[in-house]
Amino acid sequence: MGGYFSEIDFFILDMDGTIYLGDQWIDGAMEFLQAVVQSGRQYVFLTNNSSKNADIYAAKLRGMGLDINKEKVITSGQATIAYLKQNHAAAKVFLLGNDLLKAEFSEAGIILEEDYPEVVVTAFDTTLNYAKMCKVCDLVRAGLPYLATHPDLNCPTESGFIPDIGAIQAFIKASASRDPDHIIGKPNRTIMEYLLERTGAIRERSAVVGDRLYTDIAAGVNNGFTGILVLSGEATRADVEKSPVKPHLIYPSVKEMIKELSPS
């Protein structure tokens, strides 16, 4: 296993289920982050969870004892903003999302429009209600360009799983008969190219570490990165056996990766 790590100098880390669950560190996660830095390597957090913005994630981690700024956090919301600017410049956007994400979009110059949008963007909206679902289904059914920040079906918490954006998309499809035209977040190339451009990381010397096969690990192995699965969140070894996506390495958690981190 150490052979892989000798070629890795940049870790792309999932958050929910990989580094923490709820407000609790996964055992050994803080020590792993310290070991990455002490070994001369770098890391960045990459989360599909678009229910919060980078400022909130950074503040949460600081509150948990990690000295970090928001530049260390990359979200599917940020990657979606970049995609909109490149592909739908100046378009009016209906955003199904929390107020924090709406504020991030507005601050980045995205024009948000409730009544006469030109593009629909769905995110992980934890303030979802029936009126919102009726509205977004009407817009999708009308044929507007339809984007999604990420595809996750569930979000891990300390007490189990809660429905994520994938479940919202299933509701929309059942009503409006459409899947998103483009999904930005892991495992898709869009967010990984955004990450490389923003960080300057080298694809062949970077590893994606996460707890989900169909997002984290697929984002790694399908886009030229090393994929490292940790079993501290959603996926199990039984899932690996059934999955077409195979990680390069599997660990119970990031804690067991510390021993591999001799200086690069």
Foldseek 3Di string as FASTA:
>chain_A
DLVLQVLAQEEEEEPDLFQAFALGGDPQNVVLQVLSVVLVGYYAYEYAALQAALQVVCVSVVVSPDPDHSLRYHYLLVLVLVVCCVPVNPWAEAEAYHPNSVVVSVVSPHHYDQPDGQEYEYHFHPPDDPVVLVSSLVVVLVPHQYEYSAQDQWGGHPVGTDGGVNVSQVSSCVRRVDHHPYYQAFLDPSSVVVVCVSPVDDQQNYEFEEADQRGRQSNNPVHRHQYEHAPRGDDDVVNQVVDPRHHPYYYPGSNVVSVSSHRD
